[in-house]
Amino acid sequence: MKPQNALTHPCRVAAILALAGLAACADSGARNWSKSGVSESQRSADYAECRSQMRGVTRQSDNIDQDITASRGSDWRKLGQYNSQQSQLAGVDADYAAQVLADCMLDKGYRR
């Protein structure tokens, strides 16, 4: 018999990989934004604040994805669509996270 959380393990792995990808971009991400008269430390602080906001907003989406995977994962496996469905959920979430981050930085007066 499979453990109760067997369906969510691949989802957790996908989430960890997505977060690792975002973290890798985080170091250089602040440098992609500019605003005249703002110091490097202020730009980094503003970027960190926007990333925190992004994580807060996307946390709900991550929880929803986990619920979807738990309820539909068995069906997706039977149809051979589990990996493609997980990739689709992760892709939508990554796009949404990037948009939240960009909107926050734009609201603070930064430009790319």
Protein backbone atom coordinates (compact mmCIF):
# COMPACT_ATOMS: atom_id res chain seq x y z
CA MET A 1 0.00 0.00 0.00
CA LYS A 2 1.28 3.45 -0.88
CA PRO A 3 1.89 6.02 1.85
CA GLN A 4 -0.88 8.58 2.16
CA ASN A 5 1.35 11.40 0.88
CA ALA A 6 2.72 9.48 -2.12
CA LEU A 7 0.78 11.62 -4.58
CA THR A 8 2.12 14.85 -3.17
CA HIS A 9 5.81 13.88 -3.22
CA PRO A 10 6.29 14.71 -6.93
CA CYS A 11 4.42 17.94 -6.33
CA ARG A 12 6.81 18.80 -3.51
CA VAL A 13 9.79 18.05 -5.73
CA ALA A 14 8.39 20.30 -8.47
CA ALA A 15 7.78 23.08 -5.95
CA ILE A 16 11.30 22.78 -4.57
CA LEU A 17 12.77 22.95 -8.07
CA ALA A 18 10.64 25.97 -8.92
CA LEU A 19 11.69 27.75 -5.74
CA ALA A 20 15.33 26.90 -6.38
CA GLY A 21 15.01 28.43 -9.82
CA LEU A 22 13.47 31.57 -8.38
CA ALA A 23 16.17 31.74 -5.72
CA ALA A 24 18.86 31.48 -8.37
CA CYS A 25 17.32 34.43 -10.16
CA ALA A 26 16.95 36.38 -6.93
CA ASP A 27 20.62 37.26 -6.63
CA SER A 28 20.71 38.96 -10.01
CA GLY A 29 17.05 39.96 -10.10
CA ALA A 30 17.45 43.20 -8.17
CA ARG A 31 20.07 44.37 -10.65
CA ASN A 32 17.52 44.13 -13.45
CA TRP A 33 15.56 47.02 -11.93
CA SER A 34 16.61 50.66 -11.83
CA LYS A 35 15.35 53.87 -10.32
CA SER A 36 17.25 57.12 -10.35
CA GLY A 37 18.52 58.34 -7.00
CA VAL A 38 18.19 54.94 -5.30
CA SER A 39 21.18 53.26 -3.67
CA GLU A 40 22.11 49.64 -4.29
CA SER A 41 21.11 48.74 -0.74
CA GLN A 42 17.70 50.43 -1.09
CA ARG A 43 17.08 48.70 -4.42
CA SER A 44 17.98 45.35 -2.83
CA ALA A 45 15.68 46.05 0.12
CA ASP A 46 12.79 47.00 -2.17
CA TYR A 47 13.37 43.90 -4.26
CA ALA A 48 13.45 41.71 -1.15
CA GLU A 49 10.17 43.26 0.01
CA CYS A 50 8.57 42.54 -3.37
CA ARG A 51 9.85 38.96 -3.31
CA SER A 52 8.33 38.53 0.14
CA GLN A 53 5.02 39.87 -1.17
CA MET A 54 5.26 37.49 -4.13
CA ARG A 55 5.82 34.49 -1.84
CA GLY A 56 2.82 35.48 0.26
CA VAL A 57 0.55 35.79 -2.74
CA THR A 58 1.72 32.59 -4.40
CA ARG A 59 1.50 30.53 -1.20
CA GLN A 60 -2.27 30.27 -1.68
CA SER A 61 -1.78 29.16 -5.28
CA ASP A 62 0.73 26.52 -4.15
CA ASN A 63 -1.76 25.19 -1.61
CA ILE A 64 -4.47 25.00 -4.26
CA ASP A 65 -2.12 23.13 -6.60
CA GLN A 66 -1.33 20.65 -3.85
CA ASP A 67 -5.06 20.07 -3.30
CA ILE A 68 -5.62 19.57 -7.03
CA THR A 69 -2.74 17.11 -7.21
CA ALA A 70 -4.01 15.19 -4.21
CA SER A 71 -7.50 14.85 -5.67
CA ARG A 72 -6.64 14.36 -9.36
CA GLY A 73 -3.18 12.78 -9.18
CA SER A 74 -4.46 9.23 -9.37
CA ASP A 75 -6.53 10.01 -12.46
CA TRP A 76 -3.57 11.75 -14.12
CA ARG A 77 -1.35 8.74 -13.43
CA LYS A 78 -3.89 6.37 -14.98
CA LEU A 79 -4.04 8.55 -18.09
CA GLY A 80 -0.26 8.98 -18.23
CA GLN A 81 -0.61 12.75 -17.83
CA TYR A 82 0.77 13.26 -14.33
CA ASN A 83 4.06 14.91 -15.32
CA SER A 84 2.49 17.15 -17.95
CA GLN A 85 -0.21 18.29 -15.54
CA GLN A 86 2.41 19.05 -12.87
CA SER A 87 4.48 21.00 -15.39
CA GLN A 88 1.45 22.98 -16.45
CA LEU A 89 0.58 23.90 -12.86
CA ALA A 90 4.20 24.91 -12.15
CA GLY A 91 4.40 27.00 -15.32
CA VAL A 92 1.25 28.96 -14.54
CA ASP A 93 2.46 29.56 -10.99
CA ALA A 94 5.87 30.77 -12.17
CA ASP A 95 4.28 33.23 -14.61
CA TYR A 96 1.97 34.53 -11.89
CA ALA A 97 4.83 34.90 -9.41
CA ALA A 98 6.91 36.84 -11.94
CA GLN A 99 3.98 39.16 -12.65
CA VAL A 100 3.37 39.85 -8.95
CA LEU A 101 7.05 40.68 -8.46
CA ALA A 102 7.15 42.93 -11.53
CA ASP A 103 3.98 44.77 -10.52
CA CYS A 104 5.38 45.42 -7.05
CA MET A 105 8.65 46.83 -8.42
CA LEU A 106 6.80 48.96 -10.96
CA ASP A 107 4.54 50.29 -8.20
CA LYS A 108 7.67 51.36 -6.31
CA GLY A 109 8.77 53.37 -9.36
CA TYR A 110 11.42 51.00 -10.75
CA ARG A 111 11.94 50.24 -14.40
CA ARG A 112 13.68 47.31 -16.06
